[in-house]
Amino acid sequence: MSETIDLLLFDLDGTLADTKEDLATAVNLTLRDFGVPEHPRERIYTFVGDGVRPLLARAFESRGARAFDEALAVFRRHYLEHLLDATRFYPGVEAVLAHFAGKKKGVVTNKPIEYTLKLIEGLGARERFDVIVGGNSTPHLKPHPAMIERALDAVGVTANRAVMIGDNVNDIVAARAAGVRSVAVGYGLGDPAVLRAANPDFFCERIEDVTDLFS
């Protein structure tokens, strides 16, 4: 039997949108500008999920970046130019958003808000979400619960009437700390075995399966 909720919160990278190609492009263009060897794209995919600073820190690890703040600025320029080259919603996402048209919906992502808003607007989906919380919207990133708590406050929904849907252990841990239910999805950037081991309330192989969980 499905559970009743008032708010669905979605992670962005690896959950709503397949952003990995454009992130890898921006990271490697940044490395190239610094004269640092580029990474295979598949390796960069494993760096995603904790925000831009950890992403770049992992990319530059042991490769001699001299000025990390400068690298962030260079990455920003490249990513803003390329973030909609290949990025698209995962199959089924549009159908899920339409299915829950009568519910409040939000995005809670460690991706900085500047990139988040440009991406969502570029995909023509800004009006689909009642609240968007990005990586610099609060002092703490997921797995801290602050971002989820900010979203709950913004739309006036209590934790027991909300769910956090994501492809990263950070989403599960943040949801648990905030007192909301968690759904882990197995098609994104996270390792399904690791996600299951983190004990989410629900696990879905496809985003469409969320429609069977909640009414």
N, C-alpha and C. Protein backbone atom coordinates (compact mmCIF):
# COMPACT_ATOMS: atom_id res chain seq x y z
N MET A 1 0.84 -1.19 0.00
CA MET A 1 0.00 0.00 0.00
C MET A 1 0.88 1.24 0.00
N SER A 2 0.57 2.21 -0.85
CA SER A 2 1.40 3.40 -0.96
C SER A 2 1.19 4.33 0.23
N GLU A 3 2.21 5.10 0.55
CA GLU A 3 2.17 6.04 1.66
C GLU A 3 1.82 7.43 1.16
N THR A 4 1.21 8.21 2.04
CA THR A 4 0.81 9.57 1.67
C THR A 4 1.89 10.56 2.06
N ILE A 5 2.28 11.40 1.12
CA ILE A 5 3.26 12.45 1.37
C ILE A 5 2.79 13.75 0.74
N ASP A 6 3.41 14.84 1.16
CA ASP A 6 3.08 16.15 0.61
C ASP A 6 4.22 16.76 -0.21
N LEU A 7 5.46 16.25 -0.02
CA LEU A 7 6.63 16.85 -0.65
C LEU A 7 7.61 15.77 -1.10
N LEU A 8 8.01 15.85 -2.37
CA LEU A 8 9.06 15.00 -2.89
C LEU A 8 10.29 15.86 -3.17
N LEU A 9 11.40 15.51 -2.55
CA LEU A 9 12.67 16.20 -2.77
C LEU A 9 13.58 15.30 -3.59
N PHE A 10 14.18 15.87 -4.62
CA PHE A 10 15.04 15.11 -5.53
C PHE A 10 16.46 15.65 -5.51
N ASP A 11 17.43 14.75 -5.46
CA ASP A 11 18.80 15.10 -5.80
C ASP A 11 18.84 15.42 -7.29
N LEU A 12 19.89 16.09 -7.76
CA LEU A 12 19.96 16.49 -9.17
C LEU A 12 20.89 15.57 -9.97
N ASP A 13 22.19 15.67 -9.74
CA ASP A 13 23.16 14.87 -10.50
C ASP A 13 22.98 13.39 -10.19
N GLY A 14 22.69 12.59 -11.21
CA GLY A 14 22.57 11.16 -11.02
C GLY A 14 21.19 10.71 -10.58
N THR A 15 20.28 11.66 -10.35
CA THR A 15 18.92 11.31 -9.93
C THR A 15 17.90 11.87 -10.90
N LEU A 16 17.83 13.19 -11.01
CA LEU A 16 16.96 13.81 -12.00
C LEU A 16 17.62 13.86 -13.37
N ALA A 17 18.88 14.26 -13.39
CA ALA A 17 19.54 14.53 -14.66
C ALA A 17 20.86 13.78 -14.78
N ASP A 18 21.15 13.34 -15.99
CA ASP A 18 22.42 12.69 -16.31
C ASP A 18 23.40 13.79 -16.71
N THR A 19 24.16 14.26 -15.74
CA THR A 19 25.04 15.43 -15.91
C THR A 19 26.51 15.04 -16.08
N LYS A 20 26.81 13.75 -16.03
CA LYS A 20 28.20 13.34 -15.89
C LYS A 20 29.08 13.73 -17.08
N GLU A 21 28.54 13.69 -18.30
CA GLU A 21 29.36 14.02 -19.47
C GLU A 21 29.82 15.48 -19.43
N ASP A 22 28.89 16.39 -19.11
CA ASP A 22 29.24 17.80 -19.10
C ASP A 22 30.15 18.15 -17.93
N LEU A 23 29.97 17.49 -16.79
CA LEU A 23 30.89 17.70 -15.67
C LEU A 23 32.30 17.24 -16.05
N ALA A 24 32.40 16.08 -16.69
CA ALA A 24 33.72 15.57 -17.09
C ALA A 24 34.38 16.49 -18.10
N THR A 25 33.59 17.03 -19.02
CA THR A 25 34.14 17.98 -19.99
C THR A 25 34.73 19.19 -19.29
N ALA A 26 33.98 19.77 -18.35
CA ALA A 26 34.45 20.97 -17.65
C ALA A 26 35.68 20.68 -16.79
N VAL A 27 35.70 19.53 -16.15
CA VAL A 27 36.85 19.17 -15.32
C VAL A 27 38.09 19.02 -16.19
N ASN A 28 37.99 18.30 -17.29
CA ASN A 28 39.17 18.07 -18.13
C ASN A 28 39.63 19.34 -18.83
N LEU A 29 38.71 20.21 -19.21
CA LEU A 29 39.12 21.50 -19.78
C LEU A 29 39.87 22.33 -18.73
N THR A 30 39.45 22.23 -17.48
CA THR A 30 40.14 22.95 -16.40
C THR A 30 41.53 22.38 -16.18
N LEU A 31 41.64 21.05 -16.14
CA LEU A 31 42.95 20.42 -16.00
C LEU A 31 43.87 20.81 -17.15
N ARG A 32 43.31 20.83 -18.35
CA ARG A 32 44.10 21.20 -19.53
C ARG A 32 44.64 22.63 -19.41
N ASP A 33 43.80 23.54 -18.93
CA ASP A 33 44.23 24.93 -18.78
C ASP A 33 45.36 25.08 -17.79
N PHE A 34 45.45 24.16 -16.82
CA PHE A 34 46.51 24.20 -15.82
C PHE A 34 47.71 23.34 -16.23
N GLY A 35 47.65 22.77 -17.44
CA GLY A 35 48.75 21.93 -17.88
C GLY A 35 48.85 20.64 -17.10
N VAL A 36 47.72 20.17 -16.59
CA VAL A 36 47.69 18.96 -15.78
C VAL A 36 47.06 17.84 -16.62
N PRO A 37 47.59 16.62 -16.55
CA PRO A 37 47.02 15.52 -17.35
C PRO A 37 45.53 15.31 -17.05
N GLU A 38 44.78 15.05 -18.09
CA GLU A 38 43.35 14.84 -17.94
C GLU A 38 43.07 13.44 -17.42
N HIS A 39 41.85 13.27 -16.87
CA HIS A 39 41.41 11.97 -16.37
C HIS A 39 40.51 11.29 -17.40
N PRO A 40 40.49 9.98 -17.44
CA PRO A 40 39.42 9.29 -18.18
C PRO A 40 38.07 9.73 -17.63
N ARG A 41 37.10 9.88 -18.52
CA ARG A 41 35.79 10.36 -18.08
C ARG A 41 35.19 9.47 -17.00
N GLU A 42 35.36 8.16 -17.14
CA GLU A 42 34.76 7.23 -16.18
C GLU A 42 35.31 7.47 -14.77
N ARG A 43 36.55 7.91 -14.67
CA ARG A 43 37.12 8.21 -13.35
C ARG A 43 36.49 9.48 -12.77
N ILE A 44 36.28 10.47 -13.61
CA ILE A 44 35.68 11.71 -13.12
C ILE A 44 34.27 11.46 -12.59
N TYR A 45 33.55 10.55 -13.23
CA TYR A 45 32.19 10.24 -12.76
C TYR A 45 32.20 9.83 -11.29
N THR A 46 33.25 9.17 -10.85
CA THR A 46 33.31 8.70 -9.46
C THR A 46 33.58 9.83 -8.48
N PHE A 47 33.97 11.00 -8.99
CA PHE A 47 34.27 12.15 -8.13
C PHE A 47 33.01 12.96 -7.79
N VAL A 48 31.90 12.69 -8.47
CA VAL A 48 30.71 13.54 -8.39
C VAL A 48 29.85 13.16 -7.20
N GLY A 49 29.24 14.19 -6.57
CA GLY A 49 28.24 13.92 -5.53
C GLY A 49 28.40 14.73 -4.27
N ASP A 50 29.60 15.27 -4.04
CA ASP A 50 29.85 15.99 -2.79
C ASP A 50 30.02 17.50 -2.99
N GLY A 51 29.73 18.00 -4.19
CA GLY A 51 29.91 19.42 -4.46
C GLY A 51 31.11 19.67 -5.35
N VAL A 52 31.24 20.92 -5.81
CA VAL A 52 32.28 21.26 -6.78
C VAL A 52 33.67 21.25 -6.17
N ARG A 53 33.83 21.76 -4.96
CA ARG A 53 35.16 21.78 -4.36
C ARG A 53 35.74 20.37 -4.21
N PRO A 54 35.00 19.41 -3.64
CA PRO A 54 35.54 18.04 -3.60
C PRO A 54 35.77 17.45 -4.99
N LEU A 55 34.90 17.79 -5.94
CA LEU A 55 35.07 17.30 -7.32
C LEU A 55 36.43 17.73 -7.86
N LEU A 56 36.72 19.01 -7.75
CA LEU A 56 38.00 19.51 -8.28
C LEU A 56 39.18 19.04 -7.44
N ALA A 57 39.00 18.96 -6.13
CA ALA A 57 40.09 18.47 -5.28
C ALA A 57 40.49 17.06 -5.68
N ARG A 58 39.50 16.22 -5.98
CA ARG A 58 39.80 14.85 -6.40
C ARG A 58 40.46 14.85 -7.78
N ALA A 59 40.00 15.72 -8.66
CA ALA A 59 40.56 15.76 -10.01
C ALA A 59 42.01 16.21 -10.00
N PHE A 60 42.34 17.14 -9.10
CA PHE A 60 43.69 17.69 -9.06
C PHE A 60 44.61 16.93 -8.11
N GLU A 61 44.11 15.93 -7.43
CA GLU A 61 44.89 15.23 -6.42
C GLU A 61 46.23 14.76 -6.98
N SER A 62 47.28 15.13 -6.29
CA SER A 62 48.65 14.73 -6.65
C SER A 62 49.05 15.22 -8.03
N ARG A 63 48.38 16.26 -8.54
CA ARG A 63 48.71 16.73 -9.87
C ARG A 63 49.16 18.19 -9.88
N GLY A 64 49.43 18.72 -8.72
CA GLY A 64 50.14 19.98 -8.64
C GLY A 64 49.36 21.24 -8.92
N ALA A 65 48.06 21.29 -8.59
CA ALA A 65 47.32 22.55 -8.74
C ALA A 65 47.89 23.57 -7.77
N ARG A 66 48.26 24.73 -8.30
CA ARG A 66 48.91 25.73 -7.47
C ARG A 66 47.93 26.68 -6.81
N ALA A 67 46.80 26.92 -7.44
CA ALA A 67 45.87 27.91 -6.92
C ALA A 67 44.45 27.36 -7.05
N PHE A 68 43.96 26.78 -5.96
CA PHE A 68 42.68 26.08 -6.05
C PHE A 68 41.53 27.04 -6.34
N ASP A 69 41.55 28.22 -5.75
CA ASP A 69 40.49 29.20 -6.03
C ASP A 69 40.48 29.59 -7.50
N GLU A 70 41.67 29.69 -8.08
CA GLU A 70 41.75 29.99 -9.51
C GLU A 70 41.16 28.84 -10.32
N ALA A 71 41.44 27.61 -9.88
CA ALA A 71 40.89 26.45 -10.57
C ALA A 71 39.36 26.45 -10.51
N LEU A 72 38.80 26.84 -9.38
CA LEU A 72 37.34 26.93 -9.25
C LEU A 72 36.78 27.94 -10.24
N ALA A 73 37.46 29.06 -10.40
CA ALA A 73 36.99 30.09 -11.34
C ALA A 73 37.07 29.59 -12.78
N VAL A 74 38.14 28.88 -13.11
CA VAL A 74 38.29 28.34 -14.46
C VAL A 74 37.22 27.28 -14.72
N PHE A 75 37.00 26.41 -13.74
CA PHE A 75 35.95 25.40 -13.87
C PHE A 75 34.59 26.06 -14.08
N ARG A 76 34.31 27.10 -13.31
CA ARG A 76 33.02 27.79 -13.43
C ARG A 76 32.80 28.26 -14.86
N ARG A 77 33.82 28.85 -15.44
CA ARG A 77 33.69 29.36 -16.81
C ARG A 77 33.39 28.21 -17.78
N HIS A 78 34.12 27.12 -17.65
CA HIS A 78 33.92 26.00 -18.57
C HIS A 78 32.56 25.33 -18.35
N TYR A 79 32.18 25.16 -17.08
CA TYR A 79 30.93 24.44 -16.82
C TYR A 79 29.71 25.26 -17.24
N LEU A 80 29.74 26.57 -16.99
CA LEU A 80 28.62 27.40 -17.42
C LEU A 80 28.47 27.37 -18.94
N GLU A 81 29.57 27.19 -19.64
CA GLU A 81 29.52 27.14 -21.10
C GLU A 81 29.02 25.79 -21.61
N HIS A 82 29.28 24.72 -20.85
CA HIS A 82 29.03 23.37 -21.37
C HIS A 82 27.96 22.58 -20.61
N LEU A 83 27.33 23.15 -19.58
CA LEU A 83 26.51 22.32 -18.70
C LEU A 83 25.22 21.80 -19.33
N LEU A 84 24.87 22.31 -20.51
CA LEU A 84 23.69 21.79 -21.21
C LEU A 84 24.04 21.13 -22.54
N ASP A 85 25.33 20.84 -22.75
CA ASP A 85 25.73 20.18 -23.99
C ASP A 85 25.08 18.81 -24.12
N ALA A 86 25.25 17.98 -23.10
CA ALA A 86 24.75 16.60 -23.15
C ALA A 86 23.76 16.29 -22.03
N THR A 87 23.65 17.17 -21.05
CA THR A 87 22.79 16.91 -19.88
C THR A 87 21.33 16.85 -20.26
N ARG A 88 20.66 15.79 -19.83
CA ARG A 88 19.23 15.61 -20.04
C ARG A 88 18.64 14.94 -18.81
N PHE A 89 17.32 15.09 -18.63
CA PHE A 89 16.65 14.31 -17.60
C PHE A 89 16.77 12.83 -17.95
N TYR A 90 16.89 12.00 -16.92
CA TYR A 90 16.88 10.56 -17.14
C TYR A 90 15.52 10.13 -17.68
N PRO A 91 15.48 9.06 -18.46
CA PRO A 91 14.20 8.53 -18.91
C PRO A 91 13.28 8.27 -17.72
N GLY A 92 12.03 8.69 -17.84
CA GLY A 92 11.06 8.47 -16.78
C GLY A 92 10.88 9.64 -15.84
N VAL A 93 11.85 10.55 -15.79
CA VAL A 93 11.75 11.68 -14.85
C VAL A 93 10.55 12.57 -15.17
N GLU A 94 10.39 12.90 -16.44
CA GLU A 94 9.26 13.76 -16.82
C GLU A 94 7.93 13.12 -16.43
N ALA A 95 7.82 11.83 -16.62
CA ALA A 95 6.59 11.13 -16.28
C ALA A 95 6.34 11.16 -14.77
N VAL A 96 7.39 11.03 -13.98
CA VAL A 96 7.24 11.07 -12.53
C VAL A 96 6.82 12.45 -12.07
N LEU A 97 7.45 13.49 -12.61
CA LEU A 97 7.07 14.86 -12.25
C LEU A 97 5.62 15.13 -12.61
N ALA A 98 5.20 14.62 -13.76
CA ALA A 98 3.80 14.81 -14.17
C ALA A 98 2.86 14.03 -13.27
N HIS A 99 3.24 12.83 -12.89
CA HIS A 99 2.40 11.99 -12.02
C HIS A 99 2.14 12.69 -10.69
N PHE A 100 3.16 13.36 -10.16
CA PHE A 100 3.04 14.04 -8.88
C PHE A 100 2.78 15.54 -9.05
N ALA A 101 2.09 15.90 -10.13
CA ALA A 101 1.82 17.31 -10.41
C ALA A 101 1.08 18.00 -9.27
N GLY A 102 0.27 17.25 -8.54
CA GLY A 102 -0.49 17.84 -7.45
C GLY A 102 0.27 17.91 -6.14
N LYS A 103 1.49 17.43 -6.09
CA LYS A 103 2.31 17.45 -4.88
C LYS A 103 3.37 18.54 -4.98
N LYS A 104 3.82 19.02 -3.83
CA LYS A 104 4.97 19.92 -3.82
C LYS A 104 6.22 19.12 -4.15
N LYS A 105 7.11 19.75 -4.89
CA LYS A 105 8.35 19.08 -5.30
C LYS A 105 9.52 20.04 -5.16
N GLY A 106 10.68 19.49 -4.87
CA GLY A 106 11.86 20.32 -4.72
C GLY A 106 13.11 19.61 -5.17
N VAL A 107 14.17 20.39 -5.35
CA VAL A 107 15.50 19.88 -5.66
C VAL A 107 16.41 20.23 -4.49
N VAL A 108 17.13 19.25 -3.98
CA VAL A 108 18.11 19.46 -2.92
C VAL A 108 19.41 18.83 -3.40
N THR A 109 20.37 19.66 -3.77
CA THR A 109 21.59 19.17 -4.42
C THR A 109 22.82 19.86 -3.87
N ASN A 110 23.93 19.13 -3.80
CA ASN A 110 25.20 19.73 -3.40
C ASN A 110 25.80 20.58 -4.52
N LYS A 111 25.23 20.53 -5.71
CA LYS A 111 25.69 21.38 -6.81
C LYS A 111 25.40 22.84 -6.47
N PRO A 112 26.36 23.77 -6.66
CA PRO A 112 26.09 25.17 -6.36
C PRO A 112 24.83 25.70 -7.05
N ILE A 113 24.15 26.61 -6.39
CA ILE A 113 22.85 27.06 -6.85
C ILE A 113 22.92 27.72 -8.23
N GLU A 114 24.03 28.40 -8.55
CA GLU A 114 24.16 29.04 -9.86
C GLU A 114 24.04 28.02 -10.98
N TYR A 115 24.78 26.92 -10.86
CA TYR A 115 24.73 25.88 -11.88
C TYR A 115 23.36 25.18 -11.87
N THR A 116 22.86 24.95 -10.67
CA THR A 116 21.58 24.23 -10.53
C THR A 116 20.45 24.96 -11.24
N LEU A 117 20.34 26.26 -10.98
CA LEU A 117 19.25 27.03 -11.59
C LEU A 117 19.40 27.12 -13.10
N LYS A 118 20.63 27.32 -13.58
CA LYS A 118 20.82 27.41 -15.02
C LYS A 118 20.47 26.09 -15.69
N LEU A 119 20.83 24.99 -15.05
CA LEU A 119 20.57 23.67 -15.62
C LEU A 119 19.06 23.40 -15.66
N ILE A 120 18.39 23.62 -14.54
CA ILE A 120 16.95 23.33 -14.47
C ILE A 120 16.17 24.24 -15.41
N GLU A 121 16.56 25.52 -15.46
CA GLU A 121 15.89 26.43 -16.39
C GLU A 121 16.17 26.03 -17.84
N GLY A 122 17.41 25.59 -18.12
CA GLY A 122 17.76 25.18 -19.47
C GLY A 122 17.01 23.94 -19.92
N LEU A 123 16.62 23.10 -18.97
CA LEU A 123 15.83 21.91 -19.28
C LEU A 123 14.33 22.21 -19.29
N GLY A 124 13.98 23.49 -19.07
CA GLY A 124 12.58 23.91 -19.13
C GLY A 124 11.73 23.40 -17.99
N ALA A 125 12.35 23.25 -16.81
CA ALA A 125 11.63 22.62 -15.70
C ALA A 125 11.52 23.48 -14.46
N ARG A 126 11.89 24.76 -14.56
CA ARG A 126 11.89 25.59 -13.33
C ARG A 126 10.52 25.62 -12.66
N GLU A 127 9.46 25.68 -13.46
CA GLU A 127 8.11 25.80 -12.89
C GLU A 127 7.63 24.49 -12.26
N ARG A 128 8.37 23.41 -12.45
CA ARG A 128 7.95 22.12 -11.90
C ARG A 128 8.29 21.98 -10.41
N PHE A 129 9.14 22.88 -9.90
CA PHE A 129 9.65 22.74 -8.53
C PHE A 129 9.25 23.93 -7.67
N ASP A 130 8.80 23.62 -6.45
CA ASP A 130 8.37 24.65 -5.51
C ASP A 130 9.54 25.22 -4.73
N VAL A 131 10.62 24.47 -4.60
CA VAL A 131 11.80 24.93 -3.87
C VAL A 131 13.03 24.30 -4.49
N ILE A 132 14.11 25.07 -4.57
CA ILE A 132 15.39 24.56 -5.06
C ILE A 132 16.47 24.99 -4.07
N VAL A 133 17.16 24.03 -3.50
CA VAL A 133 18.22 24.29 -2.54
C VAL A 133 19.52 23.77 -3.13
N GLY A 134 20.48 24.67 -3.34
CA GLY A 134 21.76 24.31 -3.92
C GLY A 134 22.87 24.27 -2.90
N GLY A 135 24.06 23.92 -3.36
CA GLY A 135 25.17 23.66 -2.48
C GLY A 135 25.65 24.82 -1.64
N ASN A 136 25.35 26.04 -2.03
CA ASN A 136 25.73 27.18 -1.21
C ASN A 136 24.51 27.90 -0.65
N SER A 137 23.37 27.20 -0.58
CA SER A 137 22.16 27.77 0.01
C SER A 137 22.17 27.70 1.53
N THR A 138 22.96 26.78 2.08
CA THR A 138 23.10 26.63 3.53
C THR A 138 24.59 26.47 3.85
N PRO A 139 24.97 26.62 5.12
CA PRO A 139 26.39 26.46 5.47
C PRO A 139 26.90 25.04 5.32
N HIS A 140 25.99 24.06 5.27
CA HIS A 140 26.40 22.65 5.24
C HIS A 140 25.82 21.93 4.04
N LEU A 141 26.61 21.04 3.45
CA LEU A 141 26.16 20.19 2.36
C LEU A 141 25.60 18.88 2.91
N LYS A 142 24.82 18.16 2.09
CA LYS A 142 24.50 16.78 2.44
C LYS A 142 25.82 16.00 2.58
N PRO A 143 25.96 15.16 3.59
CA PRO A 143 24.93 14.47 4.37
C PRO A 143 24.38 15.21 5.58
N HIS A 144 24.81 16.45 5.83
CA HIS A 144 24.18 17.24 6.90
C HIS A 144 22.72 17.47 6.52
N PRO A 145 21.82 17.51 7.48
CA PRO A 145 20.39 17.67 7.17
C PRO A 145 19.96 19.09 6.83
N ALA A 146 20.86 20.09 6.94
CA ALA A 146 20.45 21.49 6.82
C ALA A 146 19.75 21.80 5.50
N MET A 147 20.20 21.21 4.41
CA MET A 147 19.61 21.52 3.11
C MET A 147 18.17 21.02 3.03
N ILE A 148 17.94 19.82 3.53
CA ILE A 148 16.58 19.28 3.54
C ILE A 148 15.70 20.10 4.47
N GLU A 149 16.23 20.47 5.62
CA GLU A 149 15.47 21.28 6.56
C GLU A 149 15.11 22.63 5.96
N ARG A 150 16.01 23.21 5.19
CA ARG A 150 15.72 24.47 4.50
C ARG A 150 14.56 24.29 3.52
N ALA A 151 14.57 23.20 2.78
CA ALA A 151 13.49 22.94 1.83
C ALA A 151 12.15 22.74 2.54
N LEU A 152 12.15 22.00 3.64
CA LEU A 152 10.92 21.79 4.40
C LEU A 152 10.35 23.10 4.89
N ASP A 153 11.21 23.94 5.44
CA ASP A 153 10.76 25.24 5.94
C ASP A 153 10.20 26.12 4.83
N ALA A 154 10.84 26.05 3.66
CA ALA A 154 10.45 26.93 2.55
C ALA A 154 9.04 26.64 2.06
N VAL A 155 8.61 25.40 2.14
CA VAL A 155 7.29 25.04 1.62
C VAL A 155 6.29 24.70 2.73
N GLY A 156 6.75 24.76 3.98
CA GLY A 156 5.84 24.53 5.09
C GLY A 156 5.34 23.11 5.23
N VAL A 157 6.23 22.14 4.98
CA VAL A 157 5.87 20.73 5.11
C VAL A 157 6.68 20.11 6.25
N THR A 158 6.04 19.28 7.06
CA THR A 158 6.74 18.62 8.15
C THR A 158 7.52 17.41 7.63
N ALA A 159 8.55 17.04 8.38
CA ALA A 159 9.46 15.99 7.93
C ALA A 159 8.74 14.66 7.67
N ASN A 160 7.74 14.35 8.47
CA ASN A 160 7.06 13.06 8.33
C ASN A 160 6.15 13.00 7.10
N ARG A 161 6.05 14.12 6.37
CA ARG A 161 5.22 14.15 5.16
C ARG A 161 6.09 14.38 3.91
N ALA A 162 7.38 14.08 4.03
CA ALA A 162 8.30 14.33 2.92
C ALA A 162 9.18 13.12 2.67
N VAL A 163 9.75 13.09 1.45
CA VAL A 163 10.68 12.03 1.08
C VAL A 163 11.83 12.63 0.28
N MET A 164 13.03 12.11 0.49
CA MET A 164 14.22 12.52 -0.25
C MET A 164 14.61 11.38 -1.18
N ILE A 165 14.77 11.69 -2.47
CA ILE A 165 15.07 10.70 -3.49
C ILE A 165 16.45 11.01 -4.07
N GLY A 166 17.37 10.05 -4.02
CA GLY A 166 18.71 10.33 -4.52
C GLY A 166 19.50 9.08 -4.85
N ASP A 167 20.66 9.30 -5.48
CA ASP A 167 21.50 8.19 -5.92
C ASP A 167 22.79 8.09 -5.12
N ASN A 168 22.87 8.84 -4.00
CA ASN A 168 24.12 8.91 -3.24
C ASN A 168 23.82 8.61 -1.77
N VAL A 169 24.78 7.99 -1.10
CA VAL A 169 24.62 7.72 0.33
C VAL A 169 24.37 9.02 1.09
N ASN A 170 24.94 10.12 0.61
CA ASN A 170 24.69 11.41 1.26
C ASN A 170 23.20 11.72 1.36
N ASP A 171 22.44 11.34 0.34
CA ASP A 171 21.00 11.60 0.35
C ASP A 171 20.30 10.79 1.43
N ILE A 172 20.71 9.55 1.58
CA ILE A 172 20.10 8.67 2.58
C ILE A 172 20.43 9.16 3.99
N VAL A 173 21.68 9.50 4.23
CA VAL A 173 22.11 9.94 5.56
C VAL A 173 21.46 11.28 5.92
N ALA A 174 21.40 12.21 4.96
CA ALA A 174 20.78 13.50 5.21
C ALA A 174 19.30 13.35 5.51
N ALA A 175 18.63 12.48 4.75
CA ALA A 175 17.20 12.24 4.96
C ALA A 175 16.95 11.69 6.37
N ARG A 176 17.75 10.72 6.75
CA ARG A 176 17.58 10.12 8.08
C ARG A 176 17.79 11.16 9.17
N ALA A 177 18.81 12.01 9.01
CA ALA A 177 19.09 13.03 10.02
C ALA A 177 17.99 14.08 10.09
N ALA A 178 17.33 14.33 8.94
CA ALA A 178 16.27 15.34 8.90
C ALA A 178 14.91 14.76 9.29
N GLY A 179 14.83 13.44 9.41
CA GLY A 179 13.58 12.81 9.79
C GLY A 179 12.62 12.58 8.64
N VAL A 180 13.13 12.60 7.40
CA VAL A 180 12.27 12.32 6.25
C VAL A 180 12.61 10.94 5.71
N ARG A 181 11.68 10.35 4.98
CA ARG A 181 11.93 9.05 4.37
C ARG A 181 12.90 9.20 3.20
N SER A 182 13.56 8.11 2.87
CA SER A 182 14.56 8.14 1.80
C SER A 182 14.27 7.08 0.76
N VAL A 183 14.50 7.46 -0.50
CA VAL A 183 14.43 6.51 -1.61
C VAL A 183 15.78 6.57 -2.32
N ALA A 184 16.47 5.44 -2.40
CA ALA A 184 17.70 5.36 -3.18
C ALA A 184 17.36 4.83 -4.56
N VAL A 185 17.96 5.43 -5.59
CA VAL A 185 17.74 4.96 -6.96
C VAL A 185 19.03 4.34 -7.49
N GLY A 186 18.87 3.23 -8.22
CA GLY A 186 20.03 2.43 -8.61
C GLY A 186 20.58 2.69 -9.98
N TYR A 187 20.04 3.68 -10.72
CA TYR A 187 20.47 3.90 -12.10
C TYR A 187 21.48 5.04 -12.23
N GLY A 188 21.76 5.76 -11.15
CA GLY A 188 22.58 6.97 -11.23
C GLY A 188 24.06 6.71 -11.07
N LEU A 189 24.73 7.62 -10.36
CA LEU A 189 26.17 7.56 -10.21
C LEU A 189 26.60 6.70 -9.02
N GLY A 190 25.67 6.43 -8.11
CA GLY A 190 26.02 5.66 -6.92
C GLY A 190 26.07 4.17 -7.20
N ASP A 191 26.83 3.45 -6.38
CA ASP A 191 26.92 2.00 -6.45
C ASP A 191 25.69 1.41 -5.76
N PRO A 192 24.85 0.66 -6.48
CA PRO A 192 23.63 0.12 -5.87
C PRO A 192 23.89 -0.69 -4.61
N ALA A 193 24.96 -1.47 -4.57
CA ALA A 193 25.25 -2.27 -3.39
C ALA A 193 25.56 -1.39 -2.18
N VAL A 194 26.30 -0.32 -2.42
CA VAL A 194 26.62 0.62 -1.34
C VAL A 194 25.36 1.33 -0.87
N LEU A 195 24.50 1.68 -1.81
CA LEU A 195 23.25 2.35 -1.45
C LEU A 195 22.37 1.44 -0.61
N ARG A 196 22.23 0.19 -1.01
CA ARG A 196 21.41 -0.74 -0.24
C ARG A 196 21.97 -0.93 1.16
N ALA A 197 23.30 -0.97 1.27
CA ALA A 197 23.94 -1.16 2.57
C ALA A 197 23.71 0.02 3.51
N ALA A 198 23.39 1.18 2.94
CA ALA A 198 23.12 2.37 3.76
C ALA A 198 21.69 2.37 4.31
N ASN A 199 20.92 1.35 3.98
CA ASN A 199 19.58 1.15 4.52
C ASN A 199 18.61 2.29 4.25
N PRO A 200 18.40 2.62 2.98
CA PRO A 200 17.34 3.59 2.68
C PRO A 200 15.98 2.98 3.02
N ASP A 201 14.97 3.81 3.16
CA ASP A 201 13.63 3.28 3.42
C ASP A 201 13.10 2.50 2.22
N PHE A 202 13.49 2.93 1.03
CA PHE A 202 13.06 2.27 -0.20
C PHE A 202 14.23 2.28 -1.19
N PHE A 203 14.23 1.29 -2.08
CA PHE A 203 15.22 1.25 -3.17
C PHE A 203 14.48 1.02 -4.47
N CYS A 204 14.79 1.82 -5.48
CA CYS A 204 14.14 1.70 -6.79
C CYS A 204 15.19 1.55 -7.88
N GLU A 205 14.98 0.60 -8.75
CA GLU A 205 15.87 0.44 -9.89
C GLU A 205 15.59 1.50 -10.95
N ARG A 206 14.32 1.95 -11.03
CA ARG A 206 13.91 2.96 -12.01
C ARG A 206 13.21 4.10 -11.28
N ILE A 207 13.33 5.31 -11.79
CA ILE A 207 12.66 6.43 -11.16
C ILE A 207 11.15 6.26 -11.20
N GLU A 208 10.64 5.60 -12.23
CA GLU A 208 9.19 5.41 -12.33
C GLU A 208 8.62 4.61 -11.17
N ASP A 209 9.46 3.79 -10.54
CA ASP A 209 8.97 2.97 -9.43
C ASP A 209 8.53 3.80 -8.23
N VAL A 210 8.98 5.05 -8.17
CA VAL A 210 8.57 5.94 -7.07
C VAL A 210 7.07 6.15 -7.07
N THR A 211 6.46 6.11 -8.25
CA THR A 211 5.01 6.36 -8.33
C THR A 211 4.20 5.27 -7.62
N ASP A 212 4.79 4.09 -7.43
CA ASP A 212 4.09 3.01 -6.73
C ASP A 212 4.26 3.11 -5.22
N LEU A 213 5.19 3.94 -4.76
CA LEU A 213 5.48 4.01 -3.34
C LEU A 213 4.63 5.02 -2.59
N PHE A 214 4.26 6.10 -3.30
CA PHE A 214 3.60 7.22 -2.62
C PHE A 214 2.36 7.65 -3.35
N SER A 215 1.36 8.04 -2.56
CA SER A 215 0.12 8.53 -3.14
C SER A 215 -0.02 10.03 -2.88
